[in-house]
Amino acid sequence: MKKLIDYTVKDFVYETDSASPAPGGGSVSALAGSLGVALARMVGHLTIPKKKFKTLDESIQDDIVDFHNKVKKTELRLLELIDDDTNAFNAIMKAFKMPKDTEGEQAAR
């Protein structure tokens, strides 16, 4: 099965706008969050090299550059969560389909 993270934007939207229960809210939220972080980092990419930025107090520059670098981890984790959420949902759905007639089946489920 193709990972959601590998979909084109258009395919991701169309898959969300389908009768398939996944991707759902968690995957879509992770994607939206990663885009938000990417926008914040874009501001850093555009700001940090500027001459005016270099005139700021060095401690402020350091804080901004440090934040810019740290949030990359958040962006990467959110991208992972796009598929993690759908995988977790699929595992739950698989469990719900398991038989539950005996105690053993119930325990396995």
N, C-alpha and C. Protein backbone atom coordinates (compact mmCIF):
# COMPACT_ATOMS: atom_id res chain seq x y z
N MET A 1 0.83 -1.18 0.00
CA MET A 1 0.00 0.00 0.00
C MET A 1 0.88 1.25 0.00
N LYS A 2 0.52 2.20 -0.82
CA LYS A 2 1.27 3.44 -0.93
C LYS A 2 1.09 4.28 0.34
N LYS A 3 2.19 4.83 0.83
CA LYS A 3 2.12 5.69 2.01
C LYS A 3 1.46 7.01 1.64
N LEU A 4 0.67 7.55 2.56
CA LEU A 4 0.02 8.83 2.32
C LEU A 4 1.03 9.94 2.09
N ILE A 5 2.15 9.86 2.77
CA ILE A 5 3.18 10.90 2.66
C ILE A 5 3.73 10.98 1.24
N ASP A 6 3.58 9.90 0.48
CA ASP A 6 4.08 9.87 -0.89
C ASP A 6 3.04 10.32 -1.92
N TYR A 7 1.83 10.60 -1.48
CA TYR A 7 0.79 11.08 -2.39
C TYR A 7 1.11 12.49 -2.87
N THR A 8 0.63 12.81 -4.04
CA THR A 8 0.66 14.22 -4.44
C THR A 8 -0.38 14.94 -3.60
N VAL A 9 -0.29 16.23 -3.54
CA VAL A 9 -1.28 17.01 -2.79
C VAL A 9 -2.68 16.72 -3.34
N LYS A 10 -2.80 16.72 -4.63
CA LYS A 10 -4.09 16.49 -5.26
C LYS A 10 -4.63 15.11 -4.91
N ASP A 11 -3.77 14.08 -4.98
CA ASP A 11 -4.21 12.72 -4.65
C ASP A 11 -4.60 12.60 -3.18
N PHE A 12 -3.86 13.28 -2.30
CA PHE A 12 -4.19 13.26 -0.87
C PHE A 12 -5.58 13.87 -0.65
N VAL A 13 -5.83 14.98 -1.30
CA VAL A 13 -7.14 15.63 -1.17
C VAL A 13 -8.24 14.71 -1.69
N TYR A 14 -8.02 14.11 -2.84
CA TYR A 14 -9.05 13.24 -3.43
C TYR A 14 -9.26 11.98 -2.58
N GLU A 15 -8.20 11.45 -1.99
CA GLU A 15 -8.35 10.28 -1.12
C GLU A 15 -9.13 10.66 0.13
N THR A 16 -8.89 11.85 0.66
CA THR A 16 -9.64 12.33 1.81
C THR A 16 -11.11 12.54 1.44
N ASP A 17 -11.35 13.02 0.23
CA ASP A 17 -12.71 13.26 -0.26
C ASP A 17 -13.22 12.02 -0.99
N SER A 18 -13.23 10.91 -0.26
CA SER A 18 -13.70 9.65 -0.85
C SER A 18 -14.49 8.89 0.21
N ALA A 19 -14.98 7.73 -0.18
CA ALA A 19 -15.72 6.89 0.76
C ALA A 19 -14.79 6.13 1.70
N SER A 20 -13.49 6.22 1.50
CA SER A 20 -12.51 5.57 2.37
C SER A 20 -12.48 6.29 3.72
N PRO A 21 -12.44 5.54 4.84
CA PRO A 21 -12.42 6.19 6.15
C PRO A 21 -11.05 6.79 6.51
N ALA A 22 -10.05 6.49 5.71
CA ALA A 22 -8.72 7.03 5.97
C ALA A 22 -8.13 7.54 4.65
N PRO A 23 -7.45 8.66 4.65
CA PRO A 23 -7.01 9.41 5.81
C PRO A 23 -8.17 10.14 6.48
N GLY A 24 -8.02 10.24 7.77
CA GLY A 24 -9.04 10.92 8.56
C GLY A 24 -8.48 12.16 9.21
N GLY A 25 -9.15 12.55 10.27
CA GLY A 25 -8.82 13.80 10.94
C GLY A 25 -7.39 13.88 11.46
N GLY A 26 -6.88 12.77 11.99
CA GLY A 26 -5.51 12.79 12.52
C GLY A 26 -4.48 13.01 11.43
N SER A 27 -4.63 12.29 10.33
CA SER A 27 -3.68 12.43 9.22
C SER A 27 -3.76 13.82 8.60
N VAL A 28 -4.99 14.30 8.42
CA VAL A 28 -5.17 15.63 7.84
C VAL A 28 -4.62 16.70 8.79
N SER A 29 -4.83 16.53 10.08
CA SER A 29 -4.30 17.49 11.06
C SER A 29 -2.77 17.47 11.07
N ALA A 30 -2.18 16.30 10.97
CA ALA A 30 -0.72 16.21 10.93
C ALA A 30 -0.18 16.91 9.69
N LEU A 31 -0.85 16.74 8.57
CA LEU A 31 -0.44 17.43 7.35
C LEU A 31 -0.56 18.93 7.53
N ALA A 32 -1.69 19.39 8.06
CA ALA A 32 -1.88 20.83 8.27
C ALA A 32 -0.83 21.39 9.23
N GLY A 33 -0.53 20.64 10.28
CA GLY A 33 0.49 21.08 11.23
C GLY A 33 1.86 21.17 10.59
N SER A 34 2.20 20.19 9.77
CA SER A 34 3.51 20.22 9.11
C SER A 34 3.61 21.40 8.15
N LEU A 35 2.50 21.74 7.50
CA LEU A 35 2.49 22.91 6.62
C LEU A 35 2.65 24.20 7.43
N GLY A 36 2.04 24.25 8.60
CA GLY A 36 2.19 25.42 9.47
C GLY A 36 3.63 25.60 9.91
N VAL A 37 4.27 24.51 10.29
CA VAL A 37 5.68 24.58 10.68
C VAL A 37 6.53 25.00 9.48
N ALA A 38 6.22 24.46 8.31
CA ALA A 38 6.97 24.82 7.11
C ALA A 38 6.85 26.31 6.82
N LEU A 39 5.67 26.87 7.03
CA LEU A 39 5.50 28.32 6.83
C LEU A 39 6.33 29.12 7.83
N ALA A 40 6.35 28.67 9.07
CA ALA A 40 7.17 29.36 10.07
C ALA A 40 8.64 29.29 9.69
N ARG A 41 9.07 28.14 9.21
CA ARG A 41 10.48 28.00 8.79
C ARG A 41 10.77 28.83 7.54
N MET A 42 9.78 28.97 6.67
CA MET A 42 9.97 29.81 5.48
C MET A 42 10.30 31.24 5.90
N VAL A 43 9.59 31.73 6.91
CA VAL A 43 9.87 33.08 7.41
C VAL A 43 11.32 33.15 7.89
N GLY A 44 11.76 32.10 8.58
CA GLY A 44 13.16 32.08 9.03
C GLY A 44 14.14 32.07 7.86
N HIS A 45 13.85 31.27 6.86
CA HIS A 45 14.73 31.22 5.67
C HIS A 45 14.82 32.59 4.99
N LEU A 46 13.71 33.31 5.01
CA LEU A 46 13.69 34.63 4.37
C LEU A 46 14.28 35.73 5.25
N THR A 47 14.26 35.54 6.57
CA THR A 47 14.66 36.58 7.51
C THR A 47 16.12 36.47 7.94
N ILE A 48 16.55 35.27 8.28
CA ILE A 48 17.87 35.08 8.88
C ILE A 48 19.01 35.62 8.02
N PRO A 49 18.98 35.49 6.70
CA PRO A 49 20.10 36.01 5.91
C PRO A 49 20.11 37.54 5.72
N LYS A 50 19.06 38.22 6.11
CA LYS A 50 18.93 39.66 5.87
C LYS A 50 19.92 40.48 6.70
N LYS A 51 20.37 41.58 6.12
CA LYS A 51 21.28 42.50 6.82
C LYS A 51 20.64 43.03 8.10
N LYS A 52 19.35 43.34 8.02
CA LYS A 52 18.66 43.90 9.19
C LYS A 52 18.62 42.89 10.33
N PHE A 53 18.49 41.61 10.00
CA PHE A 53 18.50 40.57 11.04
C PHE A 53 19.84 40.57 11.76
N LYS A 54 20.90 40.79 11.01
CA LYS A 54 22.25 40.78 11.59
C LYS A 54 22.49 41.95 12.54
N THR A 55 21.60 42.96 12.49
CA THR A 55 21.75 44.10 13.41
C THR A 55 21.08 43.85 14.76
N LEU A 56 20.30 42.77 14.86
CA LEU A 56 19.66 42.44 16.14
C LEU A 56 20.70 42.02 17.16
N ASP A 57 20.35 42.14 18.41
CA ASP A 57 21.20 41.66 19.48
C ASP A 57 21.56 40.20 19.21
N GLU A 58 22.80 39.83 19.45
CA GLU A 58 23.27 38.49 19.13
C GLU A 58 22.47 37.39 19.85
N SER A 59 22.04 37.66 21.07
CA SER A 59 21.26 36.64 21.80
C SER A 59 19.89 36.43 21.14
N ILE A 60 19.31 37.48 20.60
CA ILE A 60 18.03 37.36 19.89
C ILE A 60 18.24 36.58 18.60
N GLN A 61 19.30 36.89 17.88
CA GLN A 61 19.61 36.14 16.67
C GLN A 61 19.77 34.65 16.98
N ASP A 62 20.51 34.37 18.04
CA ASP A 62 20.74 32.98 18.44
C ASP A 62 19.43 32.27 18.78
N ASP A 63 18.56 32.96 19.50
CA ASP A 63 17.27 32.37 19.87
C ASP A 63 16.44 32.05 18.62
N ILE A 64 16.42 32.95 17.68
CA ILE A 64 15.63 32.75 16.47
C ILE A 64 16.20 31.62 15.63
N VAL A 65 17.50 31.60 15.46
CA VAL A 65 18.14 30.52 14.69
C VAL A 65 17.94 29.19 15.40
N ASP A 66 18.06 29.18 16.72
CA ASP A 66 17.86 27.95 17.49
C ASP A 66 16.43 27.44 17.31
N PHE A 67 15.45 28.33 17.42
CA PHE A 67 14.05 27.95 17.22
C PHE A 67 13.84 27.42 15.80
N HIS A 68 14.39 28.11 14.83
CA HIS A 68 14.27 27.71 13.43
C HIS A 68 14.78 26.29 13.24
N ASN A 69 15.88 25.97 13.86
CA ASN A 69 16.46 24.62 13.73
C ASN A 69 15.66 23.58 14.51
N LYS A 70 15.20 23.92 15.70
CA LYS A 70 14.46 22.96 16.54
C LYS A 70 13.12 22.57 15.94
N VAL A 71 12.42 23.50 15.32
CA VAL A 71 11.09 23.16 14.82
C VAL A 71 11.14 22.24 13.60
N LYS A 72 12.31 22.07 13.01
CA LYS A 72 12.44 21.11 11.91
C LYS A 72 12.09 19.71 12.40
N LYS A 73 12.49 19.38 13.63
CA LYS A 73 12.15 18.08 14.22
C LYS A 73 10.64 17.91 14.32
N THR A 74 9.96 18.99 14.69
CA THR A 74 8.50 18.95 14.78
C THR A 74 7.89 18.70 13.40
N GLU A 75 8.40 19.39 12.42
CA GLU A 75 7.91 19.21 11.05
C GLU A 75 8.06 17.75 10.61
N LEU A 76 9.23 17.18 10.85
CA LEU A 76 9.49 15.79 10.46
C LEU A 76 8.60 14.82 11.21
N ARG A 77 8.38 15.07 12.50
CA ARG A 77 7.51 14.18 13.29
C ARG A 77 6.07 14.26 12.80
N LEU A 78 5.61 15.45 12.49
CA LEU A 78 4.25 15.59 11.97
C LEU A 78 4.09 14.85 10.64
N LEU A 79 5.10 14.90 9.81
CA LEU A 79 5.04 14.15 8.55
C LEU A 79 4.92 12.64 8.82
N GLU A 80 5.65 12.14 9.81
CA GLU A 80 5.54 10.73 10.18
C GLU A 80 4.13 10.40 10.66
N LEU A 81 3.54 11.33 11.41
CA LEU A 81 2.22 11.09 12.01
C LEU A 81 1.11 11.00 10.97
N ILE A 82 1.34 11.53 9.77
CA ILE A 82 0.33 11.41 8.71
C ILE A 82 0.01 9.94 8.48
N ASP A 83 1.04 9.12 8.32
CA ASP A 83 0.82 7.69 8.10
C ASP A 83 0.60 6.94 9.40
N ASP A 84 1.24 7.37 10.49
CA ASP A 84 1.06 6.69 11.77
C ASP A 84 -0.41 6.68 12.19
N ASP A 85 -1.08 7.81 12.00
CA ASP A 85 -2.49 7.89 12.38
C ASP A 85 -3.33 6.91 11.56
N THR A 86 -3.12 6.89 10.26
CA THR A 86 -3.89 5.99 9.41
C THR A 86 -3.57 4.54 9.72
N ASN A 87 -2.31 4.23 9.98
CA ASN A 87 -1.94 2.85 10.33
C ASN A 87 -2.61 2.42 11.63
N ALA A 88 -2.66 3.30 12.60
CA ALA A 88 -3.32 2.98 13.88
C ALA A 88 -4.82 2.76 13.66
N PHE A 89 -5.43 3.60 12.87
CA PHE A 89 -6.85 3.44 12.57
C PHE A 89 -7.12 2.12 11.86
N ASN A 90 -6.28 1.79 10.88
CA ASN A 90 -6.45 0.53 10.15
C ASN A 90 -6.30 -0.68 11.07
N ALA A 91 -5.39 -0.60 12.04
CA ALA A 91 -5.20 -1.71 13.00
C ALA A 91 -6.44 -1.87 13.88
N ILE A 92 -7.02 -0.78 14.28
CA ILE A 92 -8.25 -0.84 15.09
C ILE A 92 -9.38 -1.45 14.27
N MET A 93 -9.51 -1.02 13.04
CA MET A 93 -10.58 -1.55 12.19
C MET A 93 -10.39 -3.05 11.96
N LYS A 94 -9.14 -3.47 11.79
CA LYS A 94 -8.85 -4.90 11.62
C LYS A 94 -9.25 -5.68 12.87
N ALA A 95 -8.95 -5.12 14.03
CA ALA A 95 -9.31 -5.77 15.30
C ALA A 95 -10.83 -5.88 15.44
N PHE A 96 -11.54 -4.83 15.05
CA PHE A 96 -13.01 -4.86 15.14
C PHE A 96 -13.62 -5.96 14.28
N LYS A 97 -12.93 -6.34 13.22
CA LYS A 97 -13.45 -7.37 12.30
C LYS A 97 -13.12 -8.79 12.77
N MET A 98 -12.29 -8.91 13.79
CA MET A 98 -11.91 -10.23 14.29
C MET A 98 -13.08 -10.87 15.02
N PRO A 99 -13.16 -12.21 14.96
CA PRO A 99 -14.25 -12.88 15.68
C PRO A 99 -14.13 -12.66 17.18
N LYS A 100 -15.27 -12.74 17.85
CA LYS A 100 -15.28 -12.51 19.30
C LYS A 100 -16.25 -13.45 20.01
N ASP A 101 -16.40 -14.64 19.45
CA ASP A 101 -17.35 -15.60 20.01
C ASP A 101 -16.82 -16.33 21.25
N THR A 102 -15.53 -16.62 21.24
CA THR A 102 -14.97 -17.37 22.39
C THR A 102 -14.11 -16.41 23.22
N GLU A 103 -13.74 -16.88 24.43
CA GLU A 103 -12.87 -16.06 25.28
C GLU A 103 -11.51 -15.84 24.60
N GLY A 104 -11.01 -16.88 23.93
CA GLY A 104 -9.73 -16.76 23.23
C GLY A 104 -9.79 -15.73 22.12
N GLU A 105 -10.88 -15.75 21.35
CA GLU A 105 -11.05 -14.77 20.27
C GLU A 105 -11.20 -13.36 20.84
N GLN A 106 -11.91 -13.28 21.95
CA GLN A 106 -12.08 -11.97 22.58
C GLN A 106 -10.75 -11.44 23.08
N ALA A 107 -9.93 -12.31 23.64
CA ALA A 107 -8.61 -11.89 24.14
C ALA A 107 -7.72 -11.44 22.97
N ALA A 108 -7.78 -12.19 21.88
CA ALA A 108 -6.97 -11.84 20.71
C ALA A 108 -7.43 -10.52 20.11
N ARG A 109 -8.73 -10.33 20.14
CA ARG A 109 -9.29 -9.10 19.58
C ARG A 109 -8.91 -7.92 20.44
